[in-house]
Amino acid sequence: MKKIVWLVAGLIVACNSSQKTVTNETVSLEPVDPKVYAETITELELKEHLFTYASDEFEGRETGQPGQKKAIDYLKSEYESLQIPAAQSNGDYFQKVPIEISNIPIGKLSINNSDYLLGEHVLTFSKAKSENIDVVYLGYGIEDENYSDYQGIDVAGKLVLVKTGEPVNNDGTYIISRLI
């Protein structure tokens, strides 16, 4: 198992290098039979790591959450126990990557005295900026030379509500895709 982990670590280091050095020297490496390393892996050891990593202890491992931190600490300690050095020259096993987490806006859309909750009934990626906006329902919101949901409808300054997909004929065939 240690040999396969060394091989994987070497591949990770090789794939993560930011610059490649080009030399005129020819380096010859002896071919390595992967079976030699594969035969060191045991079912019991894999099962142990899998059950540990997938356990409730790591709280789902969601990015930026405490469970993720516990999971990476587990991986780091396994690397250290196998004496796999950090990929970075400063000894850090981790590359810092900024994260931006967006949330669905909180609120509701009220149409004809019926409320539709954002994120549950309606999907939006930004807050509504005003109240009492005229809402125009446009079916699929398609404007095509052979089909139009916009014909005769003024949408200027109004909130346009559309559904996904495209219209179908009575026989279940798509109107737009069929014409293309």
Protein backbone atom coordinates (compact mmCIF):
# COMPACT_ATOMS: atom_id res chain seq x y z
CA MET A 1 0.00 0.00 0.00
CA LYS A 2 2.81 2.40 0.81
CA LYS A 3 4.30 1.97 -2.63
CA ILE A 4 1.03 2.79 -4.41
CA VAL A 5 0.56 5.85 -2.22
CA TRP A 6 4.10 7.00 -3.11
CA LEU A 7 3.29 6.49 -6.78
CA VAL A 8 0.05 8.50 -6.51
CA ALA A 9 1.82 11.24 -4.54
CA GLY A 10 4.52 11.41 -7.19
CA LEU A 11 1.91 11.78 -9.91
CA ILE A 12 0.16 14.53 -7.97
CA VAL A 13 3.42 16.42 -7.52
CA ALA A 14 4.26 15.99 -11.20
CA CYS A 15 0.85 17.25 -12.33
CA ASN A 16 0.86 20.23 -9.98
CA SER A 17 4.22 21.74 -10.85
CA SER A 18 3.80 25.25 -12.19
CA GLN A 19 6.91 25.32 -14.38
CA LYS A 20 8.71 22.68 -16.32
CA THR A 21 12.46 22.65 -16.66
CA VAL A 22 13.73 21.75 -20.08
CA THR A 23 17.20 20.30 -20.34
CA ASN A 24 19.24 18.77 -23.10
CA GLU A 25 20.05 15.76 -20.95
CA THR A 26 18.25 12.50 -21.58
CA VAL A 27 16.97 10.82 -18.46
CA SER A 28 16.14 7.18 -18.65
CA LEU A 29 13.80 5.67 -16.13
CA GLU A 30 13.29 2.00 -15.75
CA PRO A 31 9.71 0.93 -16.38
CA VAL A 32 7.73 0.09 -13.28
CA ASP A 33 5.22 -2.71 -13.22
CA PRO A 34 2.05 -1.31 -11.59
CA LYS A 35 1.06 -4.81 -10.47
CA VAL A 36 3.87 -4.69 -7.92
CA TYR A 37 2.19 -1.75 -6.21
CA ALA A 38 -1.36 -2.92 -6.80
CA GLU A 39 -0.64 -6.19 -5.01
CA THR A 40 0.22 -4.29 -1.82
CA ILE A 41 -3.34 -2.93 -1.54
CA THR A 42 -5.63 -5.01 0.61
CA GLU A 43 -9.40 -5.06 0.62
CA LEU A 44 -9.43 -4.62 4.39
CA GLU A 45 -7.24 -1.51 4.23
CA LEU A 46 -9.35 0.08 1.48
CA LYS A 47 -12.54 -0.73 3.37
CA GLU A 48 -11.14 0.80 6.55
CA HIS A 49 -10.21 4.07 4.81
CA LEU A 50 -13.50 4.22 2.91
CA PHE A 51 -15.63 3.65 6.00
CA THR A 52 -13.60 6.18 7.98
CA TYR A 53 -13.71 8.87 5.27
CA ALA A 54 -17.42 8.34 4.56
CA SER A 55 -18.37 8.27 8.25
CA ASP A 56 -20.52 10.83 10.05
CA GLU A 57 -17.34 12.04 11.77
CA PHE A 58 -16.58 14.16 8.67
CA GLU A 59 -20.07 15.71 8.57
CA GLY A 60 -20.50 15.37 4.80
CA ARG A 61 -17.21 17.11 3.91
CA GLU A 62 -19.00 20.14 2.41
CA THR A 63 -16.58 22.80 1.16
CA GLY A 64 -15.78 25.41 3.77
CA GLN A 65 -17.51 23.53 6.58
CA PRO A 66 -15.90 21.93 9.68
CA GLY A 67 -16.37 18.42 8.24
CA GLN A 68 -14.22 19.32 5.24
CA LYS A 69 -11.47 20.55 7.56
CA LYS A 70 -11.60 17.27 9.49
CA ALA A 71 -11.43 15.30 6.23
CA ILE A 72 -8.36 17.13 4.96
CA ASP A 73 -6.67 16.71 8.34
CA TYR A 74 -7.33 12.97 8.05
CA LEU A 75 -5.76 12.85 4.57
CA LYS A 76 -2.78 14.93 5.70
CA SER A 77 -2.14 12.69 8.70
CA GLU A 78 -2.28 9.62 6.44
CA TYR A 79 0.28 11.21 4.08
CA GLU A 80 2.50 12.07 7.04
CA SER A 81 2.22 8.56 8.49
CA LEU A 82 3.36 7.19 5.12
CA GLN A 83 6.17 9.77 5.08
CA ILE A 84 4.89 11.38 1.90
CA PRO A 85 6.35 14.88 1.76
CA ALA A 86 4.26 17.95 1.02
CA ALA A 87 4.11 18.96 -2.63
CA GLN A 88 5.03 22.56 -1.84
CA SER A 89 8.58 23.55 -0.99
CA ASN A 90 7.38 25.40 2.13
CA GLY A 91 6.14 22.10 3.60
CA ASP A 92 2.46 22.96 3.23
CA TYR A 93 0.27 20.14 1.97
CA PHE A 94 -2.47 22.52 0.86
CA GLN A 95 -2.89 25.09 -1.88
CA LYS A 96 -4.96 28.09 -0.81
CA VAL A 97 -7.91 28.62 -3.13
CA PRO A 98 -10.39 31.43 -2.48
CA ILE A 99 -14.06 30.45 -2.35
CA GLU A 100 -17.18 32.49 -2.89
CA ILE A 101 -20.40 31.02 -1.55
CA SER A 102 -23.65 32.38 -2.98
CA ASN A 103 -27.01 31.87 -1.37
CA ILE A 104 -30.45 31.93 -2.92
CA PRO A 105 -32.12 35.23 -2.03
CA ILE A 106 -34.78 35.12 0.66
CA GLY A 107 -38.21 36.42 -0.22
CA LYS A 108 -41.34 35.71 -2.17
CA LEU A 109 -43.05 36.50 -5.42
CA SER A 110 -46.72 37.41 -5.03
CA ILE A 111 -48.99 36.97 -8.03
CA ASN A 112 -52.76 37.47 -7.77
CA ASN A 113 -52.66 37.20 -3.97
CA SER A 114 -50.71 33.92 -4.11
CA ASP A 115 -47.20 33.78 -2.63
CA TYR A 116 -44.37 31.80 -4.26
CA LEU A 117 -41.24 31.38 -2.11
CA LEU A 118 -37.86 32.06 -3.69
CA GLY A 119 -35.80 28.89 -3.87
CA GLU A 120 -38.85 26.67 -3.33
CA HIS A 121 -41.42 27.69 -5.96
CA VAL A 122 -39.37 30.19 -7.95
CA LEU A 123 -35.68 30.14 -8.84
CA THR A 124 -33.88 33.47 -9.01
CA PHE A 125 -30.28 34.54 -8.66
CA SER A 126 -30.86 38.10 -7.49
CA LYS A 127 -33.28 39.99 -5.28
CA ALA A 128 -36.26 41.72 -6.81
CA LYS A 129 -35.42 45.41 -6.78
CA SER A 130 -38.95 46.80 -6.49
CA GLU A 131 -42.46 45.90 -5.52
CA ASN A 132 -45.72 45.77 -7.46
CA ILE A 133 -44.09 45.00 -10.80
CA ASP A 134 -46.34 43.90 -13.62
CA VAL A 135 -45.68 40.24 -14.33
CA VAL A 136 -46.12 38.92 -17.86
CA TYR A 137 -46.34 35.17 -18.39
CA LEU A 138 -44.71 34.21 -21.70
CA GLY A 139 -45.08 30.44 -21.80
CA TYR A 140 -41.63 29.20 -22.85
CA GLY A 141 -40.30 32.68 -23.70
CA ILE A 142 -39.29 31.59 -27.19
CA GLU A 143 -38.85 34.00 -30.06
CA ASP A 144 -38.26 32.06 -33.27
CA GLU A 145 -39.10 32.76 -36.91
CA ASN A 146 -41.64 29.90 -36.83
CA TYR A 147 -42.90 30.32 -33.26
CA SER A 148 -43.26 33.27 -30.88
CA ASP A 149 -44.44 33.59 -27.30
CA TYR A 150 -43.83 37.37 -27.53
CA GLN A 151 -46.24 38.14 -30.37
CA GLY A 152 -48.54 41.00 -29.37
CA ILE A 153 -47.20 41.18 -25.80
CA ASP A 154 -45.42 44.25 -24.37
CA VAL A 155 -42.70 43.22 -21.92
CA ALA A 156 -41.00 46.61 -21.50
CA GLY A 157 -40.48 47.39 -17.78
CA LYS A 158 -42.26 44.20 -16.71
CA LEU A 159 -41.12 41.03 -14.99
CA VAL A 160 -41.19 38.19 -17.53
CA LEU A 161 -42.08 34.74 -16.22
CA VAL A 162 -41.24 31.73 -18.43
CA LYS A 163 -41.11 27.98 -18.02
CA THR A 164 -38.33 25.67 -19.16
CA GLY A 165 -38.43 23.48 -22.22
CA GLU A 166 -40.30 24.06 -25.45
CA PRO A 167 -43.85 23.55 -26.69
CA VAL A 168 -44.99 20.17 -27.98
CA ASN A 169 -47.56 19.07 -30.51
CA ASN A 170 -50.53 16.89 -29.58
CA ASP A 171 -48.51 13.83 -30.64
CA GLY A 172 -45.72 14.74 -28.17
CA THR A 173 -43.17 15.95 -30.74
CA TYR A 174 -41.37 19.24 -30.13
CA ILE A 175 -42.50 22.19 -32.23
CA ILE A 176 -39.20 24.09 -32.39
CA SER A 177 -36.69 21.21 -32.45
CA ARG A 178 -38.72 19.51 -35.20
CA LEU A 179 -38.34 22.60 -37.40
CA ILE A 180 -34.57 22.84 -37.06
